[in-house]
Amino acid sequence: MHCTITAALHDRPGVLNRAVALFHSRGVAIDALSVRAAERAGELRMSVVVRSDAVDALTRILTRAPDVISVEVPTVAELSPAPASRAPSRTAAMAETSGAYPSRWQADGFVDEDAA
């Protein structure tokens, strides 16, 4: 199972390298890494996807790092998608629009019902 760790870092040269080196020094492989400017000036937002084996240890280590402002690990409830019943089904949407375009297919080609 994979887990996402999100950390706010100071936007200074070498900070990202030191943060990623913490993962390397513990022998943790990074499956995905995303970095973007944070809402506040002078900060970066780093999201790292790793296997869940070492998440607790990495969270503690990142929290103690001098250039790390905050660390978050979303819970399963925060990551779970909305129930399928909330999203309209694709077949229902197709069924609603199918009556708007009356036509049929015949062996000799496409026939428009309105033209006949």
N, C-alpha and C. Protein backbone atom coordinates (compact mmCIF):
# COMPACT_ATOMS: atom_id res chain seq x y z
N MET A 1 0.83 -1.17 0.00
CA MET A 1 0.00 0.00 0.00
C MET A 1 0.88 1.24 0.00
N HIS A 2 0.41 2.27 -0.66
CA HIS A 2 1.16 3.52 -0.76
C HIS A 2 0.54 4.59 0.13
N CYS A 3 1.35 5.55 0.49
CA CYS A 3 0.89 6.65 1.33
C CYS A 3 1.52 7.94 0.83
N THR A 4 0.79 9.04 0.96
CA THR A 4 1.29 10.34 0.54
C THR A 4 1.66 11.16 1.77
N ILE A 5 2.86 11.70 1.73
CA ILE A 5 3.33 12.61 2.77
C ILE A 5 3.45 13.98 2.13
N THR A 6 2.84 14.98 2.74
CA THR A 6 2.91 16.34 2.23
C THR A 6 3.65 17.19 3.26
N ALA A 7 4.64 17.95 2.77
CA ALA A 7 5.43 18.78 3.67
C ALA A 7 5.56 20.19 3.10
N ALA A 8 5.48 21.17 3.97
CA ALA A 8 5.76 22.56 3.61
C ALA A 8 7.22 22.82 3.94
N LEU A 9 7.96 23.34 2.95
CA LEU A 9 9.40 23.58 3.11
C LEU A 9 9.71 25.05 2.86
N HIS A 10 10.82 25.52 3.42
CA HIS A 10 11.30 26.86 3.09
C HIS A 10 11.81 26.84 1.66
N ASP A 11 11.54 27.89 0.91
CA ASP A 11 11.97 27.98 -0.49
C ASP A 11 13.37 28.58 -0.54
N ARG A 12 14.37 27.73 -0.31
CA ARG A 12 15.77 28.13 -0.34
C ARG A 12 16.56 27.10 -1.13
N PRO A 13 17.70 27.49 -1.68
CA PRO A 13 18.52 26.53 -2.42
C PRO A 13 18.97 25.36 -1.53
N GLY A 14 18.83 24.14 -2.04
CA GLY A 14 19.30 22.95 -1.35
C GLY A 14 18.30 22.31 -0.40
N VAL A 15 17.19 22.99 -0.09
CA VAL A 15 16.22 22.45 0.86
C VAL A 15 15.57 21.19 0.33
N LEU A 16 15.14 21.21 -0.93
CA LEU A 16 14.49 20.04 -1.52
C LEU A 16 15.46 18.86 -1.56
N ASN A 17 16.70 19.11 -1.91
CA ASN A 17 17.70 18.05 -1.96
C ASN A 17 17.90 17.42 -0.58
N ARG A 18 17.96 18.23 0.46
CA ARG A 18 18.14 17.69 1.81
C ARG A 18 16.91 16.90 2.26
N ALA A 19 15.73 17.37 1.89
CA ALA A 19 14.51 16.64 2.27
C ALA A 19 14.44 15.28 1.59
N VAL A 20 14.76 15.24 0.31
CA VAL A 20 14.73 13.97 -0.43
C VAL A 20 15.86 13.05 0.05
N ALA A 21 16.98 13.62 0.47
CA ALA A 21 18.09 12.82 0.98
C ALA A 21 17.70 12.07 2.25
N LEU A 22 16.77 12.63 3.02
CA LEU A 22 16.29 11.92 4.21
C LEU A 22 15.65 10.59 3.84
N PHE A 23 14.91 10.57 2.72
CA PHE A 23 14.29 9.34 2.24
C PHE A 23 15.37 8.36 1.80
N HIS A 24 16.35 8.87 1.05
CA HIS A 24 17.42 8.03 0.53
C HIS A 24 18.24 7.41 1.67
N SER A 25 18.55 8.21 2.67
CA SER A 25 19.38 7.72 3.77
C SER A 25 18.69 6.61 4.56
N ARG A 26 17.36 6.55 4.51
CA ARG A 26 16.61 5.49 5.20
C ARG A 26 16.30 4.32 4.27
N GLY A 27 16.75 4.40 3.02
CA GLY A 27 16.52 3.33 2.06
C GLY A 27 15.08 3.24 1.58
N VAL A 28 14.36 4.37 1.61
CA VAL A 28 12.96 4.40 1.18
C VAL A 28 12.90 4.88 -0.27
N ALA A 29 12.28 4.09 -1.12
CA ALA A 29 12.11 4.46 -2.52
C ALA A 29 10.92 5.41 -2.66
N ILE A 30 11.11 6.45 -3.42
CA ILE A 30 10.04 7.42 -3.69
C ILE A 30 9.32 6.98 -4.96
N ASP A 31 8.03 6.72 -4.84
CA ASP A 31 7.24 6.29 -6.00
C ASP A 31 6.79 7.49 -6.84
N ALA A 32 6.51 8.62 -6.20
CA ALA A 32 6.13 9.84 -6.92
C ALA A 32 6.53 11.04 -6.08
N LEU A 33 6.93 12.11 -6.77
CA LEU A 33 7.34 13.33 -6.09
C LEU A 33 6.77 14.51 -6.85
N SER A 34 6.14 15.42 -6.11
CA SER A 34 5.58 16.62 -6.71
C SER A 34 5.95 17.81 -5.84
N VAL A 35 6.41 18.88 -6.48
CA VAL A 35 6.80 20.08 -5.75
C VAL A 35 6.17 21.28 -6.45
N ARG A 36 5.60 22.18 -5.66
CA ARG A 36 5.00 23.39 -6.21
C ARG A 36 5.16 24.51 -5.21
N ALA A 37 4.96 25.73 -5.67
CA ALA A 37 4.98 26.88 -4.77
C ALA A 37 3.77 26.82 -3.87
N ALA A 38 3.96 27.14 -2.61
CA ALA A 38 2.86 27.12 -1.64
C ALA A 38 2.08 28.43 -1.72
N GLU A 39 0.98 28.48 -0.98
CA GLU A 39 0.14 29.68 -0.97
C GLU A 39 0.89 30.86 -0.38
N ARG A 40 1.74 30.59 0.60
CA ARG A 40 2.50 31.64 1.25
C ARG A 40 3.83 31.84 0.54
N ALA A 41 4.26 33.07 0.41
CA ALA A 41 5.53 33.38 -0.25
C ALA A 41 6.68 32.79 0.55
N GLY A 42 7.68 32.30 -0.15
CA GLY A 42 8.86 31.74 0.51
C GLY A 42 8.71 30.31 0.96
N GLU A 43 7.63 29.65 0.54
CA GLU A 43 7.40 28.26 0.92
C GLU A 43 7.18 27.39 -0.31
N LEU A 44 7.54 26.14 -0.19
CA LEU A 44 7.27 25.11 -1.19
C LEU A 44 6.37 24.06 -0.57
N ARG A 45 5.59 23.39 -1.40
CA ARG A 45 4.75 22.28 -0.95
C ARG A 45 5.26 21.04 -1.68
N MET A 46 5.74 20.07 -0.92
CA MET A 46 6.28 18.83 -1.47
C MET A 46 5.33 17.69 -1.11
N SER A 47 4.92 16.93 -2.12
CA SER A 47 4.10 15.73 -1.90
C SER A 47 4.90 14.53 -2.37
N VAL A 48 5.04 13.55 -1.50
CA VAL A 48 5.84 12.36 -1.80
C VAL A 48 4.97 11.13 -1.58
N VAL A 49 4.96 10.23 -2.56
CA VAL A 49 4.25 8.97 -2.43
C VAL A 49 5.28 7.87 -2.18
N VAL A 50 5.11 7.18 -1.07
CA VAL A 50 6.02 6.10 -0.68
C VAL A 50 5.20 4.90 -0.22
N ARG A 51 5.86 3.79 -0.07
CA ARG A 51 5.19 2.62 0.51
C ARG A 51 4.94 2.92 1.99
N SER A 52 3.87 2.40 2.51
CA SER A 52 3.43 2.77 3.85
C SER A 52 4.25 2.17 4.99
N ASP A 53 5.25 1.36 4.68
CA ASP A 53 6.05 0.71 5.72
C ASP A 53 6.73 1.71 6.65
N ALA A 54 7.27 2.79 6.10
CA ALA A 54 8.11 3.68 6.89
C ALA A 54 7.51 5.08 7.07
N VAL A 55 6.22 5.22 6.92
CA VAL A 55 5.60 6.55 6.96
C VAL A 55 5.75 7.21 8.32
N ASP A 56 5.53 6.48 9.39
CA ASP A 56 5.64 7.08 10.73
C ASP A 56 7.05 7.58 11.01
N ALA A 57 8.04 6.77 10.68
CA ALA A 57 9.43 7.17 10.92
C ALA A 57 9.80 8.37 10.05
N LEU A 58 9.39 8.35 8.79
CA LEU A 58 9.71 9.48 7.90
C LEU A 58 9.02 10.76 8.35
N THR A 59 7.81 10.64 8.84
CA THR A 59 7.09 11.82 9.34
C THR A 59 7.82 12.43 10.52
N ARG A 60 8.28 11.61 11.44
CA ARG A 60 9.03 12.11 12.61
C ARG A 60 10.34 12.77 12.17
N ILE A 61 11.03 12.15 11.23
CA ILE A 61 12.32 12.69 10.77
C ILE A 61 12.11 14.01 10.04
N LEU A 62 11.11 14.07 9.16
CA LEU A 62 10.84 15.31 8.44
C LEU A 62 10.43 16.44 9.38
N THR A 63 9.64 16.11 10.40
CA THR A 63 9.18 17.12 11.35
C THR A 63 10.36 17.76 12.08
N ARG A 64 11.41 17.00 12.34
CA ARG A 64 12.58 17.51 13.04
C ARG A 64 13.58 18.22 12.14
N ALA A 65 13.44 18.10 10.82
CA ALA A 65 14.39 18.72 9.89
C ALA A 65 14.26 20.25 9.98
N PRO A 66 15.37 20.97 9.93
CA PRO A 66 15.33 22.42 10.15
C PRO A 66 14.59 23.22 9.08
N ASP A 67 14.57 22.78 7.85
CA ASP A 67 13.93 23.54 6.78
C ASP A 67 12.49 23.14 6.52
N VAL A 68 11.97 22.20 7.30
CA VAL A 68 10.59 21.74 7.12
C VAL A 68 9.69 22.52 8.06
N ILE A 69 8.65 23.13 7.50
CA ILE A 69 7.71 23.95 8.28
C ILE A 69 6.63 23.08 8.90
N SER A 70 6.04 22.19 8.10
CA SER A 70 4.99 21.29 8.60
C SER A 70 4.96 20.02 7.77
N VAL A 71 4.39 18.97 8.37
CA VAL A 71 4.27 17.68 7.69
C VAL A 71 2.86 17.17 7.91
N GLU A 72 2.23 16.67 6.85
CA GLU A 72 0.87 16.12 6.94
C GLU A 72 0.83 14.77 6.26
N VAL A 73 0.10 13.85 6.87
CA VAL A 73 -0.17 12.55 6.27
C VAL A 73 -1.68 12.40 6.29
N PRO A 74 -2.35 12.51 5.13
CA PRO A 74 -3.81 12.40 5.10
C PRO A 74 -4.26 11.02 5.58
N THR A 75 -5.39 11.01 6.27
CA THR A 75 -5.96 9.74 6.72
C THR A 75 -6.70 9.08 5.57
N VAL A 76 -7.08 7.84 5.75
CA VAL A 76 -7.81 7.10 4.73
C VAL A 76 -9.14 7.79 4.42
N ALA A 77 -9.82 8.30 5.44
CA ALA A 77 -11.12 8.96 5.24
C ALA A 77 -10.98 10.21 4.37
N GLU A 78 -9.86 10.93 4.51
CA GLU A 78 -9.65 12.13 3.71
C GLU A 78 -9.35 11.80 2.26
N LEU A 79 -8.80 10.62 2.01
CA LEU A 79 -8.43 10.23 0.65
C LEU A 79 -9.49 9.44 -0.09
N SER A 80 -10.48 8.92 0.62
CA SER A 80 -11.46 8.05 -0.03
C SER A 80 -12.34 8.86 -0.98
N PRO A 81 -12.62 8.30 -2.15
CA PRO A 81 -13.45 9.01 -3.12
C PRO A 81 -14.91 9.08 -2.69
N ALA A 82 -15.65 9.96 -3.32
CA ALA A 82 -17.07 10.08 -3.02
C ALA A 82 -17.78 8.80 -3.43
N PRO A 83 -18.84 8.43 -2.74
CA PRO A 83 -19.58 7.22 -3.12
C PRO A 83 -20.08 7.30 -4.55
N ALA A 84 -20.15 6.17 -5.20
CA ALA A 84 -20.55 6.13 -6.60
C ALA A 84 -21.97 6.64 -6.81
N SER A 85 -22.82 6.55 -5.80
CA SER A 85 -24.20 6.98 -5.96
C SER A 85 -24.32 8.49 -6.18
N ARG A 86 -23.32 9.25 -5.76
CA ARG A 86 -23.37 10.70 -5.94
C ARG A 86 -23.07 11.12 -7.38
N ALA A 87 -22.23 10.36 -8.04
CA ALA A 87 -21.86 10.69 -9.41
C ALA A 87 -22.86 10.08 -10.39
N PRO A 88 -23.33 10.87 -11.36
CA PRO A 88 -24.26 10.30 -12.33
C PRO A 88 -23.55 9.27 -13.20
N SER A 89 -24.24 8.21 -13.50
CA SER A 89 -23.61 7.17 -14.31
C SER A 89 -23.54 7.62 -15.76
N ARG A 90 -22.56 7.10 -16.45
CA ARG A 90 -22.36 7.47 -17.85
C ARG A 90 -23.50 6.94 -18.72
N THR A 91 -23.98 5.74 -18.41
CA THR A 91 -25.06 5.18 -19.21
C THR A 91 -26.35 5.95 -19.01
N ALA A 92 -26.58 6.49 -17.81
CA ALA A 92 -27.78 7.29 -17.57
C ALA A 92 -27.73 8.57 -18.38
N ALA A 93 -26.56 9.19 -18.46
CA ALA A 93 -26.42 10.41 -19.25
C ALA A 93 -26.62 10.13 -20.73
N MET A 94 -26.13 8.98 -21.19
CA MET A 94 -26.29 8.62 -22.59
C MET A 94 -27.77 8.34 -22.89
N ALA A 95 -28.46 7.70 -21.96
CA ALA A 95 -29.87 7.39 -22.17
C ALA A 95 -30.70 8.66 -22.24
N GLU A 96 -30.34 9.68 -21.46
CA GLU A 96 -31.07 10.94 -21.48
C GLU A 96 -30.94 11.64 -22.82
N THR A 97 -29.75 11.57 -23.43
CA THR A 97 -29.52 12.28 -24.69
C THR A 97 -29.88 11.45 -25.91
N SER A 98 -30.09 10.14 -25.76
CA SER A 98 -30.34 9.31 -26.93
C SER A 98 -31.65 9.67 -27.63
N GLY A 99 -32.64 10.13 -26.89
CA GLY A 99 -33.90 10.51 -27.51
C GLY A 99 -33.83 11.83 -28.25
N ALA A 100 -32.81 12.62 -28.01
CA ALA A 100 -32.68 13.93 -28.65
C ALA A 100 -32.25 13.80 -30.11
N TYR A 101 -31.67 12.68 -30.47
CA TYR A 101 -31.18 12.49 -31.83
C TYR A 101 -31.80 11.24 -32.44
N PRO A 102 -33.02 11.31 -32.93
CA PRO A 102 -33.66 10.11 -33.49
C PRO A 102 -32.99 9.69 -34.80
N SER A 103 -32.49 8.51 -34.83
CA SER A 103 -31.87 7.97 -36.04
C SER A 103 -31.78 6.46 -35.88
N ARG A 104 -31.52 5.79 -36.97
CA ARG A 104 -31.35 4.34 -36.91
C ARG A 104 -30.37 3.91 -37.98
N TRP A 105 -29.82 2.76 -37.77
CA TRP A 105 -28.83 2.21 -38.70
C TRP A 105 -29.49 1.12 -39.51
N GLN A 106 -29.35 1.18 -40.84
CA GLN A 106 -29.87 0.13 -41.70
C GLN A 106 -28.71 -0.49 -42.46
N ALA A 107 -28.99 -1.60 -43.10
CA ALA A 107 -27.95 -2.32 -43.82
C ALA A 107 -27.34 -1.46 -44.92
N ASP A 108 -28.11 -0.57 -45.52
CA ASP A 108 -27.57 0.26 -46.60
C ASP A 108 -26.98 1.58 -46.11
N GLY A 109 -26.96 1.81 -44.80
CA GLY A 109 -26.32 3.02 -44.28
C GLY A 109 -27.14 3.68 -43.19
N PHE A 110 -26.73 4.86 -42.81
CA PHE A 110 -27.32 5.62 -41.74
C PHE A 110 -28.54 6.35 -42.27
N VAL A 111 -29.69 6.21 -41.57
CA VAL A 111 -30.92 6.84 -42.01
C VAL A 111 -31.38 7.82 -40.94
N ASP A 112 -31.66 9.06 -41.35
CA ASP A 112 -32.16 10.05 -40.41
C ASP A 112 -33.67 9.92 -40.33
N GLU A 113 -34.18 9.69 -39.12
CA GLU A 113 -35.62 9.49 -38.91
C GLU A 113 -36.42 10.73 -39.30
N ASP A 114 -35.88 11.93 -39.06
CA ASP A 114 -36.62 13.15 -39.35
C ASP A 114 -36.76 13.39 -40.85
N ALA A 115 -35.79 12.94 -41.63
CA ALA A 115 -35.82 13.17 -43.08
C ALA A 115 -36.78 12.22 -43.77
N ALA A 116 -37.09 11.10 -43.17
CA ALA A 116 -37.93 10.08 -43.81
C ALA A 116 -39.39 10.46 -43.77
